[in-house]
Amino acid sequence: MIRIKNFSDINLKQNVFAAQDAELTEYVAGIIADVREGGDLALRAYTAKFDGVELEAFAVTEEEMEEAVRSVEKDFIAVLEEAGDNIYQFHEKQKRDDLIIFDEGGKILGQRYSPIERVGLYIPGGTAAYPSTVLMTVTPAKIAGCKKISLVSPPDKEGKISPVILAAAKIAGVDRIYKVGGAQAIAALAYGTESIERVYKIVGPGNRYVAEAKRQVSGIVGIDMVAGPSEILIIAEAGANPDFIAADLLSQAEHDVFARPILLTTDEELAVKVRERIEVMLPSLQRQAIARRSIDEEGLIVLCASKKQMFDLANEIAPEHLELMTKNPLADLGLVKNAASVFLGEYTPEPTGDYFSGVNHTLPTSGTAKFSNPLSVDDFIKKIQFSYYSKEALAKDAGAIMYFAEKEGLTGHARSIKERIE
């Protein structure tokens, strides 16, 4: 049963990152080293070990793609297409225009935006398949203009990727798909193998082995984030619907036994009703065993003394998903300082963003929303700045530049200016 605590009993230190798991770090480092040195041979060995299937080739063929699309219900294909359109419309607005500044004295400064040429997308395929994540990662990459998009996902024991994942990939426009998962897939994308071309950036969620592998290859390649278990935090005032709140807390609890469902409220009666409704709803879930552990071990209802106290605590936790079930959620949005994705009002549950509204569901967790962002087109572009000086413009700034360089003891820098103006 979910715990109910008073605000004064909350230890905010529990919301910081968990300590590094030395055993996990060493284990994943070994996998990465094996794939870096052994290439496809190591990938085959790990695929046989972890996925229970021996593969000769990792690439998904066009025939497999077509077969997958044919096997998926037409109604679901239509939903995927409509969701894809919504996601495209939202992310297309994120595109940036190059900037340029002209100075009358003969100086030009600017910044160009160009796509990252090669990116890798990790799509989970373990306890559940997530075609929604395909749309969420591929769409901004395509909008950014990435030319080579490699998607990896673990195969089943028949050596196939889930048809719904392949159907979503087909709709989103990916044509480089590989049957490989886990830390070994991250290593293959980071360093390349005989079959898989190395990429410049890796994005997408995964289990703790995937997350640790992304952390370890960061710097060799770019990554979007090191994501932890899913989180939802609901701020609810008196009068909010306890059934809605209970259902939304369970919607995250079913993700993972480590998922964190949290309710903040000033109304003790509401807190008790929500706890009761959770117990009524939970047995009907298909993944009730997972949700039960999440609710019992990670779930929390916090009784706060005021609205300010609720928002102060929420901003400190900086949740992945934040729902505002308050009397005026649009006005209360201004009180939110740290959150990845905010859902306003009783009729905007978090699943609207997971699947269909258009906002991205690849989000920072574990308090990292204090300094990081939802996945967007920006994750797939890089900035190139440029500058131009005419002879007259350099002469104007030369004295200041040389003076600055000499103050730092870099006389060679000053000399490069002096040679041009004398």
Protein backbone atom coordinates (compact mmCIF):
# COMPACT_ATOMS: atom_id res chain seq x y z
CA MET A 1 0.00 0.00 0.00
CA ILE A 2 1.25 3.48 -0.85
CA ARG A 3 2.72 5.40 2.08
CA ILE A 4 1.27 8.70 3.35
CA LYS A 5 3.75 11.07 5.00
CA ASN A 6 3.76 14.60 6.29
CA PHE A 7 5.97 17.17 4.59
CA SER A 8 8.11 17.42 7.73
CA ASP A 9 9.02 13.72 7.41
CA ILE A 10 10.45 14.05 3.89
CA ASN A 11 14.19 13.71 3.48
CA LEU A 12 15.10 15.56 0.30
CA LYS A 13 18.47 13.82 0.20
CA GLN A 14 16.58 10.75 -1.00
CA ASN A 15 15.93 12.57 -4.26
CA VAL A 16 19.56 12.90 -5.32
CA PHE A 17 21.29 10.40 -7.61
CA ALA A 18 21.80 6.92 -6.26
CA ALA A 19 25.34 5.90 -5.51
CA GLN A 20 27.31 4.44 -8.40
CA ASP A 21 27.02 0.66 -8.61
CA ALA A 22 30.66 -0.45 -8.89
CA GLU A 23 29.72 -4.01 -9.89
CA LEU A 24 27.43 -2.77 -12.68
CA THR A 25 30.07 -0.30 -13.88
CA GLU A 26 32.71 -3.02 -14.14
CA TYR A 27 30.35 -5.49 -15.83
CA VAL A 28 29.23 -3.01 -18.48
CA ALA A 29 32.81 -1.87 -19.07
CA GLY A 30 33.70 -5.47 -19.87
CA ILE A 31 30.91 -5.73 -22.45
CA ILE A 32 31.97 -2.48 -24.09
CA ALA A 33 35.61 -3.62 -24.26
CA ASP A 34 34.61 -6.97 -25.77
CA VAL A 35 32.52 -5.35 -28.51
CA ARG A 36 35.15 -2.71 -29.21
CA GLU A 37 37.77 -5.41 -29.74
CA GLY A 38 35.66 -8.27 -31.08
CA GLY A 39 33.13 -6.46 -33.25
CA ASP A 40 30.40 -8.62 -34.76
CA LEU A 41 31.77 -11.79 -33.16
CA ALA A 42 31.30 -10.31 -29.69
CA LEU A 43 27.85 -9.00 -30.63
CA ARG A 44 26.78 -12.48 -31.72
CA ALA A 45 28.03 -14.00 -28.48
CA TYR A 46 26.19 -11.47 -26.31
CA THR A 47 23.02 -11.76 -28.40
CA ALA A 48 23.06 -15.52 -27.88
CA LYS A 49 23.71 -15.07 -24.15
CA PHE A 50 21.18 -12.35 -23.35
CA ASP A 51 18.52 -12.72 -26.06
CA GLY A 52 18.69 -16.49 -26.53
CA VAL A 53 19.13 -16.39 -30.30
CA GLU A 54 22.07 -16.91 -32.65
CA LEU A 55 22.17 -14.39 -35.48
CA GLU A 56 24.35 -14.38 -38.53
CA ALA A 57 23.26 -10.93 -39.71
CA PHE A 58 22.01 -8.04 -37.59
CA ALA A 59 20.44 -5.79 -40.21
CA VAL A 60 16.67 -5.91 -40.68
CA THR A 61 15.84 -6.53 -44.33
CA GLU A 62 13.29 -4.67 -46.39
CA GLU A 63 11.28 -7.90 -46.60
CA GLU A 64 11.13 -8.07 -42.80
CA MET A 65 9.96 -4.47 -42.68
CA GLU A 66 7.18 -5.09 -45.18
CA GLU A 67 6.12 -8.28 -43.40
CA ALA A 68 5.95 -6.42 -40.08
CA VAL A 69 3.76 -3.66 -41.53
CA ARG A 70 1.40 -6.25 -43.04
CA SER A 71 1.12 -8.09 -39.71
CA VAL A 72 0.08 -5.02 -37.70
CA GLU A 73 -3.61 -4.13 -37.53
CA LYS A 74 -4.58 -1.42 -40.00
CA ASP A 75 -6.32 0.51 -37.24
CA PHE A 76 -3.08 0.65 -35.24
CA ILE A 77 -1.13 1.72 -38.34
CA ALA A 78 -3.60 4.60 -38.67
CA VAL A 79 -3.07 5.57 -35.02
CA LEU A 80 0.71 5.45 -35.48
CA GLU A 81 0.42 7.70 -38.52
CA GLU A 82 -1.80 10.21 -36.74
CA ALA A 83 0.46 10.26 -33.67
CA GLY A 84 3.45 10.69 -35.97
CA ASP A 85 1.79 13.70 -37.58
CA ASN A 86 1.15 15.28 -34.18
CA ILE A 87 4.74 14.70 -33.08
CA TYR A 88 6.02 16.13 -36.35
CA GLN A 89 3.88 19.28 -36.06
CA PHE A 90 5.16 20.01 -32.55
CA HIS A 91 8.82 19.33 -33.28
CA GLU A 92 8.87 21.07 -36.67
CA LYS A 93 8.34 24.35 -34.81
CA GLN A 94 11.62 23.77 -32.96
CA LYS A 95 13.77 24.28 -36.07
CA ARG A 96 16.20 27.18 -35.79
CA ASP A 97 17.24 29.77 -38.35
CA ASP A 98 20.90 30.64 -38.81
CA LEU A 99 21.87 33.94 -37.22
CA ILE A 100 24.17 36.60 -38.62
CA ILE A 101 25.30 39.98 -37.27
CA PHE A 102 26.72 42.67 -39.56
CA ASP A 103 28.87 45.40 -38.06
CA GLU A 104 29.18 48.61 -40.06
CA GLY A 105 32.92 48.60 -39.42
CA GLY A 106 33.47 45.50 -41.57
CA LYS A 107 32.96 42.68 -39.06
CA ILE A 108 30.53 39.79 -39.58
CA LEU A 109 29.60 37.26 -36.88
CA GLY A 110 27.25 34.36 -37.21
CA GLN A 111 26.11 30.90 -36.24
CA ARG A 112 24.99 28.09 -38.52
CA TYR A 113 22.94 25.10 -37.46
CA SER A 114 23.73 21.80 -39.11
CA PRO A 115 22.44 18.28 -38.42
CA ILE A 116 24.55 15.64 -36.73
CA GLU A 117 25.39 13.39 -39.66
CA ARG A 118 25.15 9.98 -37.96
CA VAL A 119 22.94 9.24 -34.95
CA GLY A 120 21.96 6.04 -33.17
CA LEU A 121 18.55 5.44 -31.59
CA TYR A 122 18.05 2.82 -28.87
CA ILE A 123 14.54 1.36 -28.65
CA PRO A 124 13.80 -1.00 -25.73
CA GLY A 125 12.35 -4.39 -26.53
CA GLY A 126 12.51 -6.38 -23.33
CA THR A 127 9.44 -6.66 -21.10
CA ALA A 128 7.47 -4.43 -23.50
CA ALA A 129 7.77 -2.95 -26.99
CA TYR A 130 7.49 0.81 -27.38
CA PRO A 131 6.65 1.95 -30.92
CA SER A 132 5.87 5.36 -29.40
CA THR A 133 9.57 5.76 -28.57
CA VAL A 134 10.43 5.11 -32.22
CA LEU A 135 8.26 8.06 -33.27
CA MET A 136 9.60 10.26 -30.44
CA THR A 137 13.26 9.71 -31.35
CA VAL A 138 13.15 9.37 -35.12
CA THR A 139 10.91 12.37 -35.83
CA PRO A 140 13.14 15.13 -34.37
CA ALA A 141 16.19 13.49 -35.97
CA LYS A 142 14.52 13.56 -39.39
CA ILE A 143 13.38 17.16 -38.90
CA ALA A 144 16.91 18.15 -37.94
CA GLY A 145 18.14 16.66 -41.21
CA CYS A 146 20.23 13.74 -39.94
CA LYS A 147 21.25 11.71 -42.99
CA LYS A 148 22.18 8.41 -41.34
CA ILE A 149 19.86 7.22 -38.58
CA SER A 150 20.66 3.80 -37.11
CA LEU A 151 18.01 2.19 -34.91
CA VAL A 152 18.88 -0.71 -32.60
CA SER A 153 16.48 -2.90 -30.65
CA PRO A 154 16.90 -6.36 -29.07
CA PRO A 155 15.53 -9.36 -30.96
CA ASP A 156 13.19 -12.00 -29.57
CA LYS A 157 14.08 -15.69 -29.40
CA GLU A 158 13.09 -16.09 -33.06
CA GLY A 159 15.59 -13.40 -34.04
CA LYS A 160 12.95 -10.81 -34.85
CA ILE A 161 12.22 -7.28 -33.66
CA SER A 162 8.65 -6.57 -32.56
CA PRO A 163 6.46 -5.88 -35.64
CA VAL A 164 4.99 -2.74 -34.05
CA ILE A 165 8.49 -1.29 -33.60
CA LEU A 166 9.33 -2.03 -37.24
CA ALA A 167 6.00 -0.59 -38.40
CA ALA A 168 6.65 2.61 -36.46
CA ALA A 169 10.17 2.78 -37.90
CA LYS A 170 8.77 2.38 -41.42
CA ILE A 171 6.26 5.18 -40.84
CA ALA A 172 8.92 7.44 -39.31
CA GLY A 173 11.30 6.82 -42.21
CA VAL A 174 14.18 4.77 -40.74
CA ASP A 175 15.91 2.33 -43.05
CA ARG A 176 18.95 1.25 -40.97
CA ILE A 177 17.69 -1.09 -38.25
CA TYR A 178 19.74 -3.64 -36.34
CA LYS A 179 18.70 -6.59 -34.16
CA VAL A 180 20.89 -5.91 -31.17
CA GLY A 181 20.16 -4.62 -27.68
CA GLY A 182 21.63 -4.00 -24.27
CA ALA A 183 24.99 -2.52 -23.43
CA GLN A 184 26.46 -4.34 -26.42
CA ALA A 185 24.25 -2.31 -28.78
CA ILE A 186 25.46 0.94 -27.23
CA ALA A 187 29.08 -0.21 -27.64
CA ALA A 188 28.45 -1.11 -31.29
CA LEU A 189 26.98 2.32 -32.02
CA ALA A 190 29.81 4.10 -30.19
CA TYR A 191 32.75 2.23 -31.71
CA GLY A 192 31.34 0.53 -34.80
CA THR A 193 31.63 -3.09 -35.90
CA GLU A 194 31.92 -4.83 -39.25
CA SER A 195 28.13 -4.58 -39.65
CA ILE A 196 27.22 -1.45 -37.72
CA GLU A 197 28.64 1.95 -38.59
CA ARG A 198 29.69 4.06 -35.60
CA VAL A 199 27.56 7.10 -34.88
CA TYR A 200 28.28 10.53 -33.42
CA LYS A 201 25.41 10.61 -30.91
CA ILE A 202 23.20 8.03 -29.16
CA VAL A 203 19.71 8.78 -27.84
CA GLY A 204 16.87 6.75 -26.39
CA PRO A 205 15.91 5.06 -23.12
CA GLY A 206 16.87 1.62 -21.84
CA ASN A 207 17.40 -0.49 -18.75
CA ARG A 208 20.19 0.16 -16.24
CA TYR A 209 22.75 -1.68 -18.39
CA VAL A 210 21.91 0.52 -21.37
CA ALA A 211 21.98 3.65 -19.21
CA GLU A 212 25.36 2.71 -17.73
CA ALA A 213 26.76 1.94 -21.18
CA LYS A 214 25.62 5.35 -22.43
CA ARG A 215 27.30 6.97 -19.45
CA GLN A 216 30.56 5.17 -20.17
CA VAL A 217 30.71 6.01 -23.88
CA SER A 218 29.73 9.64 -23.32
CA GLY A 219 32.62 11.70 -24.59
CA ILE A 220 33.43 9.13 -27.25
CA VAL A 221 30.02 9.96 -28.65
CA GLY A 222 27.34 12.39 -27.57
CA ILE A 223 24.34 11.12 -25.60
CA ASP A 224 20.98 12.66 -24.83
CA MET A 225 20.85 11.76 -21.13
CA VAL A 226 21.38 8.96 -18.62
CA ALA A 227 17.78 8.21 -17.76
CA GLY A 228 16.62 6.45 -14.61
CA PRO A 229 13.26 4.87 -13.74
CA SER A 230 10.09 6.66 -14.74
CA GLU A 231 8.52 9.22 -12.40
CA ILE A 232 5.22 10.98 -12.00
CA LEU A 233 4.44 13.70 -9.47
CA ILE A 234 0.89 14.99 -9.10
CA ILE A 235 0.00 18.23 -7.31
CA ALA A 236 -3.66 18.07 -6.33
CA GLU A 237 -5.84 20.50 -4.42
CA ALA A 238 -9.03 19.72 -2.52
CA GLY A 239 -11.80 18.80 -4.92
CA ALA A 240 -9.58 16.90 -7.36
CA ASN A 241 -10.89 13.57 -8.61
CA PRO A 242 -9.32 10.69 -6.60
CA ASP A 243 -10.05 8.17 -9.37
CA PHE A 244 -8.12 10.25 -11.90
CA ILE A 245 -5.19 10.62 -9.52
CA ALA A 246 -5.07 6.92 -8.63
CA ALA A 247 -5.22 5.91 -12.29
CA ASP A 248 -2.41 8.30 -13.21
CA LEU A 249 -0.15 7.12 -10.39
CA LEU A 250 -0.67 3.53 -11.53
CA SER A 251 0.04 4.50 -15.15
CA GLN A 252 3.66 5.10 -14.15
CA ALA A 253 3.88 2.33 -11.55
CA GLU A 254 3.27 -0.29 -14.25
CA HIS A 255 6.41 0.80 -16.13
CA ASP A 256 8.98 -0.55 -13.71
CA VAL A 257 9.32 -1.81 -10.15
CA PHE A 258 11.57 1.21 -9.51
CA ALA A 259 9.12 3.75 -10.98
CA ARG A 260 8.26 6.58 -8.57
CA PRO A 261 4.57 7.59 -8.28
CA ILE A 262 4.17 10.61 -5.97
CA LEU A 263 1.18 12.72 -4.93
CA LEU A 264 1.46 16.07 -3.15
CA THR A 265 -1.72 17.46 -1.63
CA THR A 266 -2.96 19.70 1.14
CA ASP A 267 -6.12 17.62 1.61
CA GLU A 268 -5.80 14.60 3.92
CA GLU A 269 -9.23 13.29 2.93
CA LEU A 270 -8.17 13.27 -0.73
CA ALA A 271 -4.96 11.44 0.17
CA VAL A 272 -6.87 8.66 1.90
CA LYS A 273 -9.36 8.32 -0.98
CA VAL A 274 -6.52 8.08 -3.52
CA ARG A 275 -4.86 5.33 -1.50
CA GLU A 276 -8.15 3.42 -1.37
CA ARG A 277 -8.76 3.80 -5.11
CA ILE A 278 -5.25 2.57 -5.94
CA GLU A 279 -5.97 -0.65 -4.08
CA VAL A 280 -9.23 -1.10 -5.98
CA MET A 281 -7.70 -0.44 -9.43
CA LEU A 282 -4.36 -2.18 -9.11
CA PRO A 283 -5.50 -5.83 -9.37
CA SER A 284 -7.01 -5.20 -12.81
CA LEU A 285 -3.69 -4.16 -14.37
CA GLN A 286 -2.01 -6.57 -16.77
CA ARG A 287 1.33 -5.69 -15.14
CA GLN A 288 -0.03 -5.68 -11.60
CA ALA A 289 3.00 -7.42 -10.04
CA ILE A 290 5.29 -4.65 -11.32
CA ALA A 291 2.86 -1.91 -10.31
CA ARG A 292 2.42 -3.42 -6.84
CA ARG A 293 6.13 -3.27 -6.07
CA SER A 294 6.41 0.27 -7.42
CA ILE A 295 3.44 1.48 -5.36
CA ASP A 296 4.55 -0.28 -2.17
CA GLU A 297 8.27 0.47 -2.34
CA GLU A 298 8.57 3.71 -4.29
CA GLY A 299 5.10 5.27 -4.06
CA LEU A 300 4.47 8.22 -1.78
CA ILE A 301 1.70 10.63 -0.81
CA VAL A 302 2.91 13.78 0.94
CA LEU A 303 0.60 15.97 3.00
CA CYS A 304 1.67 19.59 2.64
CA ALA A 305 0.61 22.68 4.58
CA SER A 306 0.16 25.02 1.62
CA LYS A 307 0.27 25.36 -2.14
CA LYS A 308 3.70 26.98 -1.82
CA GLN A 309 4.98 23.97 0.08
CA MET A 310 3.71 21.64 -2.65
CA PHE A 311 5.42 23.57 -5.43
CA ASP A 312 8.64 24.04 -3.45
CA LEU A 313 8.88 20.28 -2.94
CA ALA A 314 7.97 19.55 -6.56
CA ASN A 315 10.65 21.94 -7.80
CA GLU A 316 13.23 20.25 -5.59
CA ILE A 317 12.27 16.80 -6.85
CA ALA A 318 12.22 18.08 -10.48
CA PRO A 319 10.06 15.21 -11.76
CA GLU A 320 10.03 13.66 -15.21
CA HIS A 321 6.23 14.05 -15.40
CA LEU A 322 4.34 16.69 -13.42
CA GLU A 323 0.54 16.81 -13.37
CA LEU A 324 -1.23 19.87 -11.98
CA MET A 325 -4.71 18.95 -10.77
CA THR A 326 -5.39 22.36 -9.30
CA LYS A 327 -8.24 24.83 -9.65
CA ASN A 328 -6.29 27.02 -12.11
CA PRO A 329 -3.51 24.93 -13.63
CA LEU A 330 -2.66 27.38 -16.41
CA ALA A 331 -1.92 30.09 -13.84
CA ASP A 332 -0.05 27.62 -11.62
CA LEU A 333 2.28 26.72 -14.49
CA GLY A 334 4.22 29.86 -13.59
CA LEU A 335 5.07 28.28 -10.21
CA VAL A 336 6.88 25.38 -11.90
CA LYS A 337 10.65 25.89 -12.04
CA ASN A 338 11.95 22.35 -12.46
CA ALA A 339 10.07 19.64 -14.37
CA ALA A 340 10.57 17.88 -17.67
CA SER A 341 7.00 17.71 -18.97
CA VAL A 342 3.95 19.35 -17.35
CA PHE A 343 0.35 18.19 -17.81
CA LEU A 344 -2.27 20.79 -16.97
CA GLY A 345 -5.69 19.99 -15.59
CA GLU A 346 -7.70 16.88 -14.83
CA TYR A 347 -8.25 16.05 -18.49
CA THR A 348 -4.58 16.02 -19.52
CA PRO A 349 -3.26 12.77 -18.05
CA GLU A 350 0.37 11.88 -18.69
CA PRO A 351 -0.43 9.21 -21.34
CA THR A 352 -1.56 12.02 -23.69
CA GLY A 353 2.09 13.00 -23.91
CA ASP A 354 3.39 9.44 -23.97
CA TYR A 355 1.57 8.64 -27.17
CA PHE A 356 -0.33 11.25 -29.04
CA SER A 357 -0.41 14.96 -28.23
CA GLY A 358 2.91 15.69 -29.94
CA VAL A 359 5.20 16.58 -27.03
CA ASN A 360 8.21 14.31 -26.58
CA HIS A 361 8.20 11.53 -24.01
CA THR A 362 11.98 11.01 -23.85
CA LEU A 363 12.57 13.02 -20.71
CA PRO A 364 15.19 13.68 -18.01
CA THR A 365 14.65 11.81 -14.74
CA SER A 366 16.15 11.60 -11.23
CA GLY A 367 16.11 15.34 -10.67
CA THR A 368 18.09 16.14 -13.82
CA ALA A 369 15.23 18.33 -15.09
CA LYS A 370 16.95 21.00 -13.01
CA PHE A 371 19.51 21.33 -15.81
CA SER A 372 18.46 19.21 -18.80
CA ASN A 373 15.63 19.07 -21.29
CA PRO A 374 13.14 16.84 -23.11
CA LEU A 375 14.44 15.31 -26.32
CA SER A 376 14.01 17.78 -29.18
CA VAL A 377 15.32 18.81 -32.57
CA ASP A 378 18.15 20.57 -30.73
CA ASP A 379 19.52 17.17 -29.69
CA PHE A 380 20.22 16.36 -33.34
CA ILE A 381 21.88 19.57 -34.47
CA LYS A 382 25.23 21.18 -33.82
CA LYS A 383 26.17 24.83 -33.95
CA ILE A 384 29.00 26.16 -36.11
CA GLN A 385 29.97 29.74 -35.40
CA PHE A 386 31.89 31.92 -37.83
CA SER A 387 33.44 35.37 -37.97
CA TYR A 388 34.87 37.68 -40.62
CA TYR A 389 37.04 40.79 -40.20
CA SER A 390 37.88 43.21 -42.96
CA LYS A 391 41.32 44.82 -42.83
CA GLU A 392 39.75 47.99 -41.44
CA ALA A 393 37.76 46.11 -38.77
CA LEU A 394 40.88 44.28 -37.56
CA ALA A 395 42.81 47.53 -37.35
CA LYS A 396 40.06 48.97 -35.16
CA ASP A 397 40.11 46.06 -32.67
CA ALA A 398 43.81 45.18 -32.88
CA GLY A 399 44.98 47.21 -29.89
CA ALA A 400 42.43 45.70 -27.52
CA ILE A 401 43.12 42.15 -28.77
CA MET A 402 46.89 42.48 -28.39
CA TYR A 403 46.55 44.07 -24.95
CA PHE A 404 44.30 41.19 -23.84
CA ALA A 405 46.69 38.56 -25.21
CA GLU A 406 49.71 40.11 -23.52
CA LYS A 407 47.85 40.21 -20.19
CA GLU A 408 47.46 36.44 -20.48
CA GLY A 409 51.11 36.03 -21.36
CA LEU A 410 50.33 34.76 -24.86
CA THR A 411 52.62 36.92 -26.92
CA GLY A 412 52.25 34.66 -29.93
CA HIS A 413 48.59 35.55 -30.05
CA ALA A 414 49.48 39.24 -30.01
CA ARG A 415 52.06 38.65 -32.72
CA SER A 416 49.47 37.11 -35.08
CA ILE A 417 47.54 40.39 -34.89
CA LYS A 418 50.60 42.63 -35.07
CA GLU A 419 51.86 40.96 -38.28
CA ARG A 420 48.66 41.99 -40.03
CA ILE A 421 48.42 45.62 -38.98
CA GLU A 422 52.05 46.70 -39.38
